[in-house]
């Protein structure tokens, strides 16, 4: 008698890290498809090809499993944003790279982005804390660049960072829901152009019109009578 693929999987002993990755992968599929409340540990174990006792050895309960998966997802998003900003010292390219990071995240993570952007468990304090921290962390990564280059205060820089994160998240998830009616590259460039028209109104700190020079209010055109969109940093 030939064992089924599932039976062979159940009988296979994997190193703990490999088993954990396997379980998280199966859980991601179930949570994304059904949401937290409808997901069952039985189904996750079956999807992973393990017994329930094996699943519970790694994750004592469904919430523990969900939080582990959420931690993995928010870490991936933060790393993607951080790498995007580190990819260039040109600020116009940084803005585009930031939006590309969010578009990449929603398209290429097996829809794990839904756990971060569309979680049905936000009323759970541990989940809510992680999601709010994720948004703040991404905004802080962006605001560090804004603070250094525009010379604005911490509060202003963080508010601008939050605004860019909100724009990136909303536009990327909406774009995905339209079934790629606009090609990904074109959509990224379109939203990045919108953001750049606003953020480029803050000159680099120390440049003419910048805060260190006592120039006119950011984004004004008093110094030359023309519409000022800022230098392409």
Protein backbone atom coordinates (compact mmCIF):
# COMPACT_ATOMS: atom_id res chain seq x y z
CA UNK A 1 0.00 0.00 0.00
CA UNK A 2 1.42 3.40 -1.01
CA UNK A 3 1.32 6.21 1.54
CA UNK A 4 -0.44 9.41 0.55
CA UNK A 5 1.65 12.59 0.10
CA UNK A 6 0.08 13.94 3.30
CA UNK A 7 0.97 10.82 5.25
CA UNK A 8 4.53 10.98 4.01
CA UNK A 9 4.70 14.66 5.05
CA UNK A 10 3.33 13.92 8.50
CA UNK A 11 5.95 11.21 8.97
CA UNK A 12 8.81 13.46 7.90
CA UNK A 13 10.78 15.06 10.70
CA UNK A 14 11.96 18.54 9.80
CA UNK A 15 14.37 20.81 11.66
CA UNK A 16 12.47 23.21 13.89
CA UNK A 17 13.06 26.34 11.74
CA UNK A 18 11.95 24.51 8.58
CA UNK A 19 8.86 23.18 10.32
CA UNK A 20 8.03 26.65 11.58
CA UNK A 21 8.28 28.09 8.06
CA UNK A 22 6.04 25.29 6.79
CA UNK A 23 3.41 25.97 9.44
CA UNK A 24 3.49 29.72 8.89
CA UNK A 25 3.08 29.21 5.17
CA UNK A 26 0.02 27.03 5.67
CA UNK A 27 -1.42 29.44 8.24
CA UNK A 28 -0.93 32.38 5.89
CA UNK A 29 -3.01 30.68 3.21
CA UNK A 30 -5.84 29.89 5.63
CA UNK A 31 -5.90 33.24 7.44
CA UNK A 32 -5.81 35.21 4.18
CA UNK A 33 -8.56 33.12 2.63
CA UNK A 34 -10.89 32.96 5.63
CA UNK A 35 -9.89 35.62 8.12
CA UNK A 36 -8.93 34.96 11.70
CA UNK A 37 -12.31 34.08 13.13
CA UNK A 38 -13.27 31.51 10.48
CA UNK A 39 -9.82 29.89 10.36
CA UNK A 40 -9.45 26.60 12.24
CA UNK A 41 -6.31 25.01 13.62
CA UNK A 42 -7.52 21.67 12.23
CA UNK A 43 -7.47 23.09 8.72
CA UNK A 44 -4.07 24.73 9.19
CA UNK A 45 -2.58 21.45 10.41
CA UNK A 46 -4.12 19.60 7.49
CA UNK A 47 -2.88 22.21 5.02
CA UNK A 48 0.63 21.87 6.45
CA UNK A 49 0.43 18.07 6.41
CA UNK A 50 1.06 17.69 10.13
CA UNK A 51 -0.91 16.47 13.12
CA UNK A 52 -2.51 18.97 15.47
CA UNK A 53 -0.12 18.04 18.30
CA UNK A 54 2.80 19.01 16.05
CA UNK A 55 1.14 22.34 15.28
CA UNK A 56 0.53 23.01 18.98
CA UNK A 57 4.14 22.15 19.81
CA UNK A 58 5.18 25.20 17.81
CA UNK A 59 2.23 27.51 18.48
CA UNK A 60 0.20 27.04 21.70
CA UNK A 61 -2.92 28.64 20.21
CA UNK A 62 -4.45 30.26 17.14
CA UNK A 63 -3.68 33.78 18.34
CA UNK A 64 -0.01 32.86 18.89
CA UNK A 65 0.15 31.58 15.34
CA UNK A 66 -1.55 34.68 13.96
CA UNK A 67 0.76 37.03 15.86
CA UNK A 68 3.85 35.17 14.65
CA UNK A 69 2.64 35.51 11.09
CA UNK A 70 1.77 39.17 11.60
CA UNK A 71 5.23 39.88 13.05
CA UNK A 72 6.80 38.28 10.00
CA UNK A 73 4.66 40.38 7.66
CA UNK A 74 5.22 43.76 9.33
CA UNK A 75 8.97 43.09 9.51
CA UNK A 76 8.95 42.34 5.77
CA UNK A 77 7.13 45.61 5.04
CA UNK A 78 9.53 47.69 7.13
CA UNK A 79 12.54 46.05 5.48
CA UNK A 80 11.08 46.71 2.03
CA UNK A 81 10.54 50.39 2.81
CA UNK A 82 13.98 50.75 4.40
CA UNK A 83 15.69 49.14 1.41
CA UNK A 84 13.74 51.34 -0.98
CA UNK A 85 14.95 54.53 0.71
CA UNK A 86 18.51 53.23 0.85
CA UNK A 87 18.50 52.49 -2.87
CA UNK A 88 19.24 56.09 -3.86
CA UNK A 89 20.34 59.46 -2.49
CA UNK A 90 18.17 61.26 -5.05
CA UNK A 91 14.99 62.30 -3.27
CA UNK A 92 12.75 62.11 -6.32
CA UNK A 93 13.87 58.53 -6.86
CA UNK A 94 13.38 57.84 -3.15
CA UNK A 95 9.74 58.90 -3.39
CA UNK A 96 9.18 56.58 -6.35
CA UNK A 97 11.02 53.75 -4.58
CA UNK A 98 8.81 54.18 -1.52
CA UNK A 99 5.63 53.70 -3.53
CA UNK A 100 7.22 50.82 -5.41
CA UNK A 101 7.91 49.17 -2.04
CA UNK A 102 4.23 49.23 -1.10
CA UNK A 103 3.11 48.07 -4.55
CA UNK A 104 5.64 45.22 -4.37
CA UNK A 105 4.43 44.30 -0.90
CA UNK A 106 0.78 43.97 -1.88
CA UNK A 107 1.60 42.05 -5.04
CA UNK A 108 4.28 39.59 -4.02
CA UNK A 109 3.67 38.38 -0.46
CA UNK A 110 1.02 35.72 -1.07
CA UNK A 111 -1.56 38.33 -0.03
CA UNK A 112 -0.03 38.46 3.45
CA UNK A 113 -0.48 42.21 3.13
CA UNK A 114 -4.14 41.62 4.00
CA UNK A 115 -3.08 40.67 7.52
CA UNK A 116 -1.35 44.04 7.85
CA UNK A 117 -3.72 46.33 5.93
CA UNK A 118 -7.06 44.52 6.25
CA UNK A 119 -6.90 42.49 9.46
CA UNK A 120 -10.26 41.38 10.89
CA UNK A 121 -8.69 41.22 14.37
CA UNK A 122 -7.91 44.88 15.02
CA UNK A 123 -10.01 44.80 18.18
CA UNK A 124 -7.46 42.43 19.73
CA UNK A 125 -4.99 44.64 21.65
CA UNK A 126 -1.90 42.62 20.69
CA UNK A 127 -2.83 42.83 17.01
CA UNK A 128 -3.79 46.49 17.15
CA UNK A 129 -0.51 47.38 18.87
CA UNK A 130 1.51 45.61 16.18
CA UNK A 131 -0.41 47.22 13.32
CA UNK A 132 -0.13 50.70 14.80
CA UNK A 133 3.57 50.16 15.47
CA UNK A 134 4.05 49.01 11.87
CA UNK A 135 2.52 52.21 10.51
CA UNK A 136 4.59 54.34 12.89
CA UNK A 137 7.79 52.48 12.02
CA UNK A 138 7.30 52.93 8.28
CA UNK A 139 6.46 56.59 8.79
CA UNK A 140 9.56 57.07 10.94
CA UNK A 141 11.80 55.52 8.29
CA UNK A 142 10.46 58.05 5.80
CA UNK A 143 10.36 60.98 8.21
CA UNK A 144 14.06 60.59 9.01
CA UNK A 145 14.85 61.51 5.41
CA UNK A 146 12.35 64.38 5.42
CA UNK A 147 13.72 65.74 8.70
CA UNK A 148 17.31 65.63 7.47
CA UNK A 149 16.68 67.13 4.03
CA UNK A 150 13.83 69.57 4.63
CA UNK A 151 14.95 70.79 8.02
CA UNK A 152 11.48 70.59 9.53
CA UNK A 153 10.82 69.60 13.14
CA UNK A 154 10.23 66.08 14.38
CA UNK A 155 6.46 66.43 14.63
CA UNK A 156 6.10 67.93 11.15
CA UNK A 157 8.40 65.32 9.61
CA UNK A 158 6.51 62.47 11.24
CA UNK A 159 3.15 63.84 10.09
CA UNK A 160 4.46 64.07 6.52
CA UNK A 161 5.81 60.53 6.81
CA UNK A 162 2.42 59.27 8.02
CA UNK A 163 0.76 61.02 5.10
CA UNK A 164 3.04 59.33 2.59
CA UNK A 165 2.54 55.91 4.23
CA UNK A 166 -1.24 56.35 4.13
CA UNK A 167 -1.13 57.39 0.49
CA UNK A 168 1.12 54.47 -0.45
CA UNK A 169 -0.96 51.90 1.40
CA UNK A 170 -4.32 53.11 0.09
CA UNK A 171 -3.18 53.49 -3.51
CA UNK A 172 -1.38 50.12 -3.62
CA UNK A 173 -4.32 48.15 -2.19
CA UNK A 174 -6.80 49.96 -4.45
CA UNK A 175 -4.62 49.32 -7.50
CA UNK A 176 -4.51 45.61 -6.69
CA UNK A 177 -8.31 45.51 -6.38
CA UNK A 178 -8.67 46.85 -9.93
CA UNK A 179 -7.04 43.71 -11.34
CA UNK A 180 -4.06 45.59 -12.81
CA UNK A 181 -6.13 47.82 -15.11
CA UNK A 182 -3.19 50.19 -14.97
CA UNK A 183 0.21 48.50 -15.38
CA UNK A 184 2.14 48.36 -12.11
CA UNK A 185 5.02 50.58 -13.25
CA UNK A 186 2.60 53.20 -14.58
CA UNK A 187 0.54 53.16 -11.38
CA UNK A 188 3.65 53.58 -9.21
CA UNK A 189 4.89 56.49 -11.31
CA UNK A 190 1.46 58.15 -11.30
CA UNK A 191 1.13 58.16 -7.50
CA UNK A 192 4.81 58.98 -6.97
CA UNK A 193 4.43 62.00 -9.25
CA UNK A 194 1.49 63.21 -7.15
CA UNK A 195 3.49 62.83 -3.94
CA UNK A 196 6.62 64.42 -5.39
CA UNK A 197 4.71 67.52 -6.47
CA UNK A 198 3.92 68.06 -2.81
CA UNK A 199 7.02 66.93 -0.96
CA UNK A 200 9.44 68.68 -3.32
CA UNK A 201 8.00 72.00 -2.12
CA UNK A 202 10.35 71.69 0.86
CA UNK A 203 13.87 72.72 -0.25
CA UNK A 204 16.84 70.96 1.26
CA UNK A 205 17.81 72.45 4.60
CA UNK A 206 20.29 75.26 3.96
CA UNK A 207 19.26 75.89 0.36
CA UNK A 208 17.72 79.18 -0.76
CA UNK A 209 14.26 79.39 0.73
CA UNK A 210 15.03 76.64 3.22
CA UNK A 211 14.48 77.07 6.95
CA UNK A 212 18.14 77.69 7.73
CA UNK A 213 18.21 80.60 5.29
CA UNK A 214 15.11 82.34 6.63
CA UNK A 215 13.51 82.18 3.20
CA UNK A 216 9.81 82.35 2.37
CA UNK A 217 7.40 79.73 3.54
CA UNK A 218 8.06 76.30 2.03
CA UNK A 219 6.58 75.83 -1.39
CA UNK A 220 5.95 79.56 -2.03
CA UNK A 221 7.03 81.35 -5.18
CA UNK A 222 7.84 84.72 -3.63
CA UNK A 223 11.49 84.63 -4.56
CA UNK A 224 11.05 84.34 -8.32
CA UNK A 225 7.38 84.94 -9.10
CA UNK A 226 6.95 81.47 -10.59
CA UNK A 227 5.26 78.33 -9.35
CA UNK A 228 7.80 76.62 -7.14
CA UNK A 229 7.92 72.85 -7.16
CA UNK A 230 11.28 72.61 -5.50
CA UNK A 231 14.56 71.29 -6.83
CA UNK A 232 14.63 67.67 -7.94
CA UNK A 233 16.80 66.56 -5.05
